[in-house]
Amino acid sequence: MVACIMLGVALAIATILLGSTALAQSQTPAPQTENGNLVTIATGNKFQQIVPSNSTGTDRRALTIQNNASNGDNCWVYVGGDKASKDGSVVLAPGKSYDRYWPFVPSDTIQATCASSSDNLYVEYK
């Protein structure tokens, strides 16, 4: 009798664990729209779009934006399609990155600028 109860408990736990895995895998990942692009800032201190809004209806899985400026310049990342400003932005020091993973990846337009023209940002999202 005890063996049957323990077997039932073990099956219930296995069903719960396998059921959770199946649910996690059933989500359709967003298509990979970029893969490690270097974005060059055309005009320093003027925001430009670096990631378009996500209109596919599926969640993005990951986002990385890294300041690749070799001259010591800071960069600013603004999430949203409205008028970007440094005050509402995330500051990226040289070599630092803005990383987000599902379910915290924004689907909004992302804009950025750096202190000088020709500074580079590494941008990747999936």
Protein backbone atom coordinates (compact mmCIF):
# COMPACT_ATOMS: atom_id res chain seq x y z
CA MET A 1 0.00 0.00 0.00
CA VAL A 2 2.78 2.43 0.94
CA ALA A 3 4.63 1.53 -2.26
CA CYS A 4 1.55 2.40 -4.35
CA ILE A 5 1.17 5.77 -2.61
CA MET A 6 4.86 6.58 -3.13
CA LEU A 7 4.60 5.57 -6.80
CA GLY A 8 1.56 7.83 -7.18
CA VAL A 9 3.38 10.76 -5.56
CA ALA A 10 6.42 10.20 -7.78
CA LEU A 11 4.22 10.13 -10.91
CA ALA A 12 2.44 13.32 -9.81
CA ILE A 13 5.76 15.12 -9.29
CA ALA A 14 7.06 13.89 -12.66
CA THR A 15 3.87 15.06 -14.37
CA ILE A 16 4.18 18.51 -12.81
CA LEU A 17 7.85 18.83 -13.75
CA LEU A 18 7.39 17.57 -17.30
CA GLY A 19 4.26 19.66 -17.70
CA SER A 20 6.15 22.84 -16.77
CA THR A 21 8.88 22.05 -19.28
CA ALA A 22 6.34 21.50 -22.02
CA LEU A 23 4.69 24.84 -21.28
CA ALA A 24 8.00 26.70 -21.43
CA GLN A 25 8.86 25.13 -24.78
CA SER A 26 5.47 25.89 -26.32
CA GLN A 27 6.20 29.63 -26.54
CA THR A 28 7.21 30.74 -30.01
CA PRO A 29 10.46 32.71 -29.90
CA ALA A 30 10.66 36.00 -31.75
CA PRO A 31 12.47 35.80 -35.05
CA GLN A 32 16.07 36.91 -34.88
CA THR A 33 16.12 40.26 -36.60
CA GLU A 34 19.67 41.32 -35.88
CA ASN A 35 22.79 39.41 -35.05
CA GLY A 36 25.62 41.40 -33.65
CA ASN A 37 25.58 44.59 -35.69
CA LEU A 38 27.89 47.50 -35.06
CA VAL A 39 25.90 50.71 -35.15
CA THR A 40 27.84 53.90 -35.80
CA ILE A 41 26.50 57.10 -34.30
CA ALA A 42 26.07 59.53 -37.17
CA THR A 43 25.96 62.71 -35.07
CA GLY A 44 27.16 62.90 -31.48
CA ASN A 45 24.60 63.91 -28.86
CA LYS A 46 21.73 63.34 -31.32
CA PHE A 47 19.57 60.25 -30.74
CA GLN A 48 19.04 57.79 -33.58
CA GLN A 49 17.01 54.60 -33.74
CA ILE A 50 19.14 51.49 -33.23
CA VAL A 51 16.39 48.88 -32.67
CA PRO A 52 12.94 49.10 -34.28
CA SER A 53 9.77 48.39 -32.34
CA ASN A 54 8.76 44.75 -32.29
CA SER A 55 5.54 44.36 -34.26
CA THR A 56 5.72 40.58 -34.78
CA GLY A 57 3.50 39.70 -31.82
CA THR A 58 6.13 37.40 -30.34
CA ASP A 59 8.42 38.25 -27.46
CA ARG A 60 12.03 39.12 -28.00
CA ARG A 61 14.27 36.70 -26.12
CA ALA A 62 17.41 38.76 -25.53
CA LEU A 63 18.87 42.21 -26.09
CA THR A 64 22.45 43.44 -25.77
CA ILE A 65 23.64 46.98 -26.47
CA GLN A 66 27.31 47.60 -25.66
CA ASN A 67 29.30 50.82 -25.81
CA ASN A 68 32.30 50.08 -28.05
CA ALA A 69 33.69 53.62 -28.00
CA SER A 70 37.47 53.44 -27.75
CA ASN A 71 37.88 57.14 -26.97
CA GLY A 72 36.33 57.12 -23.48
CA ASP A 73 32.94 58.53 -24.56
CA ASN A 74 29.73 57.65 -22.76
CA CYS A 75 26.65 56.58 -24.70
CA TRP A 76 22.97 56.87 -23.78
CA VAL A 77 20.24 54.31 -24.52
CA TYR A 78 16.60 55.40 -24.54
CA VAL A 79 13.75 52.88 -24.66
CA GLY A 80 10.60 54.25 -26.32
CA GLY A 81 9.42 55.85 -29.51
CA ASP A 82 8.79 59.32 -28.13
CA LYS A 83 11.34 62.13 -27.98
CA ALA A 84 14.51 60.70 -26.48
CA SER A 85 16.51 62.58 -23.86
CA LYS A 86 19.64 61.89 -21.85
CA ASP A 87 17.66 62.43 -18.64
CA GLY A 88 15.42 59.43 -19.36
CA SER A 89 18.22 57.23 -20.71
CA VAL A 90 20.52 54.52 -19.43
CA VAL A 91 24.14 55.72 -19.44
CA LEU A 92 26.69 53.29 -20.85
CA ALA A 93 30.33 53.92 -19.98
CA PRO A 94 32.91 52.54 -22.45
CA GLY A 95 32.79 48.75 -22.51
CA LYS A 96 29.56 48.59 -20.48
CA SER A 97 26.37 47.05 -21.82
CA TYR A 98 22.61 47.17 -21.45
CA ASP A 99 21.44 43.54 -21.31
CA ARG A 100 17.87 42.27 -21.04
CA TYR A 101 16.51 38.73 -21.17
CA TRP A 102 13.01 37.35 -21.59
CA PRO A 103 10.51 38.33 -20.22
CA PHE A 104 12.13 41.73 -19.55
CA VAL A 105 13.18 42.60 -23.13
CA PRO A 106 11.44 45.78 -24.28
CA SER A 107 9.43 45.63 -27.49
CA ASP A 108 9.55 49.41 -27.97
CA THR A 109 11.80 51.32 -30.32
CA ILE A 110 15.26 51.83 -28.83
CA GLN A 111 17.24 54.99 -29.57
CA ALA A 112 20.81 55.82 -28.66
CA THR A 113 23.49 58.44 -28.94
CA CYS A 114 27.09 58.87 -27.85
CA ALA A 115 29.16 61.91 -26.99
CA SER A 116 30.93 61.97 -30.37
CA SER A 117 30.13 61.17 -33.97
CA SER A 118 31.51 57.87 -35.24
CA ASP A 119 31.30 56.13 -31.85
CA ASN A 120 30.14 52.50 -32.13
CA LEU A 121 27.53 50.44 -30.32
CA TYR A 122 27.33 46.67 -30.57
CA VAL A 123 23.62 45.78 -30.91
CA GLU A 124 22.15 42.29 -30.86
CA TYR A 125 18.58 41.15 -30.29
CA LYS A 126 16.65 37.93 -30.80
